[in-house]
Amino acid sequence: MLEMFEKLINEHGSSVILKERLKLINDKYEALGEKLEISNNKNEFLQKENEQLKQHVAEIQGQLSATIPKGDNLPQEQKDILKLLFSQPLKTTQQIDL
């Protein structure tokens, strides 16, 4: 009879410890779930922001490429004038006889 009481007490003690451990594990699991949700939301926000920045960079590059002449498309006369201006010492517009 004492053995049965001892066994019952031991099993009850073990189940209480096991219950506490399971509660602790569940609490940690819930905390990790919340961290994961926060991380996923932050990741989604950063991906959207990254896409917007890529679009903005593409727009600016398009604007720049429209203003910068491509290749060698200046007439020869303009090229000669530019070469002459850059080969001489700096002059004011008044010193240049147009």
N, C-alpha and C. Protein backbone atom coordinates (compact mmCIF):
# COMPACT_ATOMS: atom_id res chain seq x y z
N MET A 1 0.81 -1.18 0.00
CA MET A 1 0.00 0.00 0.00
C MET A 1 0.87 1.26 0.00
N LEU A 2 1.93 1.29 0.79
CA LEU A 2 2.83 2.43 0.81
C LEU A 2 3.50 2.63 -0.54
N GLU A 3 3.78 1.56 -1.19
CA GLU A 3 4.39 1.65 -2.52
C GLU A 3 3.46 2.37 -3.50
N MET A 4 2.19 2.08 -3.41
CA MET A 4 1.22 2.73 -4.29
C MET A 4 1.15 4.23 -4.02
N PHE A 5 1.16 4.60 -2.71
CA PHE A 5 1.15 6.03 -2.38
C PHE A 5 2.43 6.72 -2.85
N GLU A 6 3.54 6.02 -2.67
CA GLU A 6 4.82 6.59 -3.11
C GLU A 6 4.83 6.77 -4.62
N LYS A 7 4.33 5.76 -5.31
CA LYS A 7 4.27 5.84 -6.78
C LYS A 7 3.34 6.98 -7.22
N LEU A 8 2.20 7.11 -6.56
CA LEU A 8 1.24 8.17 -6.88
C LEU A 8 1.86 9.55 -6.64
N ILE A 9 2.55 9.70 -5.52
CA ILE A 9 3.20 10.98 -5.21
C ILE A 9 4.28 11.30 -6.23
N ASN A 10 5.09 10.33 -6.58
CA ASN A 10 6.15 10.54 -7.56
C ASN A 10 5.58 10.91 -8.93
N GLU A 11 4.55 10.17 -9.34
CA GLU A 11 3.94 10.45 -10.65
C GLU A 11 3.28 11.83 -10.65
N HIS A 12 2.64 12.19 -9.54
CA HIS A 12 2.00 13.49 -9.46
C HIS A 12 3.05 14.61 -9.52
N GLY A 13 4.15 14.44 -8.79
CA GLY A 13 5.25 15.41 -8.82
C GLY A 13 5.84 15.54 -10.21
N SER A 14 6.01 14.40 -10.87
CA SER A 14 6.56 14.42 -12.22
C SER A 14 5.62 15.12 -13.19
N SER A 15 4.32 14.88 -13.03
CA SER A 15 3.36 15.50 -13.94
C SER A 15 3.30 17.01 -13.72
N VAL A 16 3.46 17.46 -12.49
CA VAL A 16 3.48 18.90 -12.21
C VAL A 16 4.70 19.53 -12.86
N ILE A 17 5.85 18.89 -12.73
CA ILE A 17 7.08 19.41 -13.35
C ILE A 17 6.93 19.41 -14.86
N LEU A 18 6.39 18.32 -15.40
CA LEU A 18 6.19 18.23 -16.84
C LEU A 18 5.23 19.31 -17.33
N LYS A 19 4.17 19.56 -16.58
CA LYS A 19 3.20 20.58 -16.94
C LYS A 19 3.85 21.96 -16.95
N GLU A 20 4.68 22.25 -15.95
CA GLU A 20 5.38 23.53 -15.90
C GLU A 20 6.34 23.69 -17.07
N ARG A 21 7.03 22.62 -17.40
CA ARG A 21 7.96 22.68 -18.53
C ARG A 21 7.22 22.89 -19.85
N LEU A 22 6.10 22.21 -20.01
CA LEU A 22 5.31 22.39 -21.23
C LEU A 22 4.79 23.81 -21.33
N LYS A 23 4.38 24.39 -20.21
CA LYS A 23 3.91 25.78 -20.23
C LYS A 23 5.05 26.72 -20.62
N LEU A 24 6.24 26.48 -20.09
CA LEU A 24 7.40 27.29 -20.43
C LEU A 24 7.73 27.17 -21.92
N ILE A 25 7.67 25.96 -22.43
CA ILE A 25 7.94 25.74 -23.86
C ILE A 25 6.89 26.46 -24.71
N ASN A 26 5.62 26.36 -24.31
CA ASN A 26 4.56 27.05 -25.06
C ASN A 26 4.75 28.56 -25.03
N ASP A 27 5.15 29.10 -23.88
CA ASP A 27 5.39 30.54 -23.78
C ASP A 27 6.53 30.97 -24.72
N LYS A 28 7.60 30.18 -24.72
CA LYS A 28 8.73 30.49 -25.61
C LYS A 28 8.31 30.37 -27.08
N TYR A 29 7.50 29.38 -27.38
CA TYR A 29 7.03 29.18 -28.75
C TYR A 29 6.19 30.37 -29.21
N GLU A 30 5.30 30.85 -28.33
CA GLU A 30 4.48 32.01 -28.67
C GLU A 30 5.34 33.26 -28.87
N ALA A 31 6.35 33.44 -28.02
CA ALA A 31 7.24 34.60 -28.15
C ALA A 31 8.00 34.54 -29.47
N LEU A 32 8.46 33.35 -29.85
CA LEU A 32 9.16 33.21 -31.14
C LEU A 32 8.21 33.45 -32.31
N GLY A 33 6.97 33.02 -32.17
CA GLY A 33 5.98 33.28 -33.21
C GLY A 33 5.74 34.77 -33.41
N GLU A 34 5.68 35.51 -32.31
CA GLU A 34 5.50 36.96 -32.40
C GLU A 34 6.72 37.61 -33.04
N LYS A 35 7.92 37.16 -32.68
CA LYS A 35 9.14 37.71 -33.29
C LYS A 35 9.16 37.42 -34.78
N LEU A 36 8.73 36.21 -35.16
CA LEU A 36 8.70 35.85 -36.57
C LEU A 36 7.73 36.74 -37.34
N GLU A 37 6.57 37.00 -36.76
CA GLU A 37 5.58 37.85 -37.42
C GLU A 37 6.12 39.27 -37.59
N ILE A 38 6.78 39.79 -36.56
CA ILE A 38 7.37 41.14 -36.64
C ILE A 38 8.44 41.16 -37.73
N SER A 39 9.28 40.13 -37.77
CA SER A 39 10.34 40.06 -38.78
C SER A 39 9.76 39.97 -40.19
N ASN A 40 8.71 39.17 -40.35
CA ASN A 40 8.08 39.05 -41.67
C ASN A 40 7.48 40.38 -42.12
N ASN A 41 6.84 41.10 -41.19
CA ASN A 41 6.27 42.41 -41.53
C ASN A 41 7.37 43.40 -41.91
N LYS A 42 8.45 43.39 -41.15
CA LYS A 42 9.57 44.29 -41.44
C LYS A 42 10.19 43.94 -42.79
N ASN A 43 10.34 42.65 -43.06
CA ASN A 43 10.91 42.20 -44.33
C ASN A 43 10.03 42.65 -45.50
N GLU A 44 8.72 42.50 -45.35
CA GLU A 44 7.80 42.92 -46.40
C GLU A 44 7.90 44.43 -46.65
N PHE A 45 7.96 45.21 -45.57
CA PHE A 45 8.10 46.66 -45.69
C PHE A 45 9.39 47.02 -46.41
N LEU A 46 10.50 46.37 -46.02
CA LEU A 46 11.79 46.68 -46.64
C LEU A 46 11.83 46.27 -48.11
N GLN A 47 11.17 45.18 -48.45
CA GLN A 47 11.12 44.77 -49.86
C GLN A 47 10.35 45.80 -50.69
N LYS A 48 9.23 46.29 -50.15
CA LYS A 48 8.47 47.32 -50.87
C LYS A 48 9.28 48.60 -51.01
N GLU A 49 9.96 48.99 -49.93
CA GLU A 49 10.78 50.20 -49.97
C GLU A 49 11.91 50.03 -50.98
N ASN A 50 12.53 48.86 -51.01
CA ASN A 50 13.61 48.58 -51.96
C ASN A 50 13.10 48.68 -53.40
N GLU A 51 11.91 48.15 -53.65
CA GLU A 51 11.34 48.22 -55.00
C GLU A 51 11.06 49.67 -55.39
N GLN A 52 10.55 50.47 -54.47
CA GLN A 52 10.30 51.89 -54.75
C GLN A 52 11.60 52.62 -55.05
N LEU A 53 12.64 52.31 -54.29
CA LEU A 53 13.94 52.96 -54.53
C LEU A 53 14.52 52.54 -55.88
N LYS A 54 14.35 51.29 -56.26
CA LYS A 54 14.82 50.84 -57.58
C LYS A 54 14.10 51.59 -58.68
N GLN A 55 12.78 51.78 -58.52
CA GLN A 55 12.01 52.52 -59.52
C GLN A 55 12.46 53.97 -59.59
N HIS A 56 12.74 54.55 -58.43
CA HIS A 56 13.20 55.94 -58.38
C HIS A 56 14.55 56.08 -59.08
N VAL A 57 15.45 55.15 -58.82
CA VAL A 57 16.77 55.17 -59.47
C VAL A 57 16.60 55.03 -60.98
N ALA A 58 15.71 54.14 -61.42
CA ALA A 58 15.49 53.96 -62.86
C ALA A 58 14.94 55.24 -63.49
N GLU A 59 14.03 55.93 -62.79
CA GLU A 59 13.49 57.20 -63.31
C GLU A 59 14.60 58.25 -63.45
N ILE A 60 15.43 58.36 -62.43
CA ILE A 60 16.51 59.34 -62.46
C ILE A 60 17.51 59.00 -63.57
N GLN A 61 17.82 57.72 -63.72
CA GLN A 61 18.73 57.32 -64.79
C GLN A 61 18.13 57.64 -66.15
N GLY A 62 16.82 57.46 -66.28
CA GLY A 62 16.16 57.81 -67.54
C GLY A 62 16.24 59.30 -67.81
N GLN A 63 16.04 60.10 -66.77
CA GLN A 63 16.13 61.55 -66.94
C GLN A 63 17.55 61.96 -67.31
N LEU A 64 18.53 61.34 -66.66
CA LEU A 64 19.93 61.69 -66.97
C LEU A 64 20.30 61.27 -68.39
N SER A 65 19.88 60.10 -68.78
CA SER A 65 20.25 59.63 -70.12
C SER A 65 19.60 60.50 -71.20
N ALA A 66 18.46 61.11 -70.87
CA ALA A 66 17.81 61.99 -71.84
C ALA A 66 18.56 63.31 -71.98
N THR A 67 19.26 63.74 -70.94
CA THR A 67 19.96 65.03 -71.00
C THR A 67 21.41 64.89 -71.46
N ILE A 68 21.98 63.72 -71.34
CA ILE A 68 23.39 63.53 -71.73
C ILE A 68 23.41 63.03 -73.18
N PRO A 69 24.13 63.73 -74.04
CA PRO A 69 24.20 63.28 -75.43
C PRO A 69 24.90 61.93 -75.53
N LYS A 70 24.38 61.08 -76.39
CA LYS A 70 24.94 59.74 -76.56
C LYS A 70 25.87 59.74 -77.76
N GLY A 71 27.00 59.12 -77.53
CA GLY A 71 27.93 58.93 -78.63
C GLY A 71 28.51 60.22 -79.16
N ASP A 72 28.74 60.22 -80.43
CA ASP A 72 29.41 61.33 -81.10
C ASP A 72 28.42 61.96 -82.07
N ASN A 73 27.41 62.67 -81.53
CA ASN A 73 26.37 63.19 -82.41
C ASN A 73 26.43 64.71 -82.60
N LEU A 74 27.52 65.35 -82.20
CA LEU A 74 27.66 66.79 -82.43
C LEU A 74 28.18 67.03 -83.85
N PRO A 75 27.69 68.07 -84.48
CA PRO A 75 28.23 68.42 -85.80
C PRO A 75 29.71 68.79 -85.67
N GLN A 76 30.46 68.57 -86.72
CA GLN A 76 31.90 68.82 -86.71
C GLN A 76 32.22 70.27 -86.36
N GLU A 77 31.42 71.21 -86.82
CA GLU A 77 31.65 72.63 -86.53
C GLU A 77 31.60 72.89 -85.02
N GLN A 78 30.62 72.29 -84.33
CA GLN A 78 30.52 72.47 -82.89
C GLN A 78 31.70 71.81 -82.16
N LYS A 79 32.13 70.67 -82.66
CA LYS A 79 33.30 70.00 -82.06
C LYS A 79 34.54 70.88 -82.18
N ASP A 80 34.72 71.48 -83.35
CA ASP A 80 35.89 72.34 -83.56
C ASP A 80 35.85 73.56 -82.63
N ILE A 81 34.67 74.14 -82.46
CA ILE A 81 34.54 75.29 -81.56
C ILE A 81 34.88 74.88 -80.12
N LEU A 82 34.37 73.75 -79.71
CA LEU A 82 34.66 73.29 -78.34
C LEU A 82 36.15 73.00 -78.15
N LYS A 83 36.76 72.38 -79.14
CA LYS A 83 38.20 72.10 -79.05
C LYS A 83 38.98 73.41 -78.94
N LEU A 84 38.62 74.39 -79.73
CA LEU A 84 39.28 75.68 -79.69
C LEU A 84 39.12 76.35 -78.33
N LEU A 85 37.90 76.34 -77.81
CA LEU A 85 37.65 76.95 -76.49
C LEU A 85 38.44 76.27 -75.38
N PHE A 86 38.52 74.97 -75.40
CA PHE A 86 39.21 74.25 -74.34
C PHE A 86 40.73 74.25 -74.51
N SER A 87 41.20 74.53 -75.70
CA SER A 87 42.65 74.55 -75.90
C SER A 87 43.27 75.90 -75.53
N GLN A 88 42.46 76.93 -75.41
CA GLN A 88 42.93 78.28 -75.08
C GLN A 88 42.79 78.53 -73.57
N PRO A 89 43.56 79.50 -73.07
CA PRO A 89 43.37 79.89 -71.66
C PRO A 89 41.94 80.41 -71.48
N LEU A 90 41.45 80.35 -70.26
CA LEU A 90 40.09 80.78 -69.98
C LEU A 90 39.90 82.25 -70.35
N LYS A 91 38.79 82.52 -71.02
CA LYS A 91 38.46 83.88 -71.43
C LYS A 91 37.03 84.17 -71.01
N THR A 92 36.74 85.43 -70.85
CA THR A 92 35.38 85.83 -70.56
C THR A 92 34.63 85.89 -71.87
N THR A 93 33.32 85.94 -71.78
CA THR A 93 32.51 86.00 -73.02
C THR A 93 32.77 87.30 -73.78
N GLN A 94 33.18 88.35 -73.07
CA GLN A 94 33.47 89.62 -73.74
C GLN A 94 34.75 89.52 -74.54
N GLN A 95 35.71 88.67 -74.07
CA GLN A 95 36.98 88.54 -74.79
C GLN A 95 36.83 87.67 -76.04
N ILE A 96 35.79 86.87 -76.08
CA ILE A 96 35.59 86.01 -77.25
C ILE A 96 34.83 86.82 -78.30
N ASP A 97 35.45 86.92 -79.48
CA ASP A 97 34.85 87.67 -80.57
C ASP A 97 33.94 86.74 -81.35
N LEU A 98 32.66 86.96 -81.17
CA LEU A 98 31.70 86.11 -81.90
C LEU A 98 31.35 86.76 -83.15
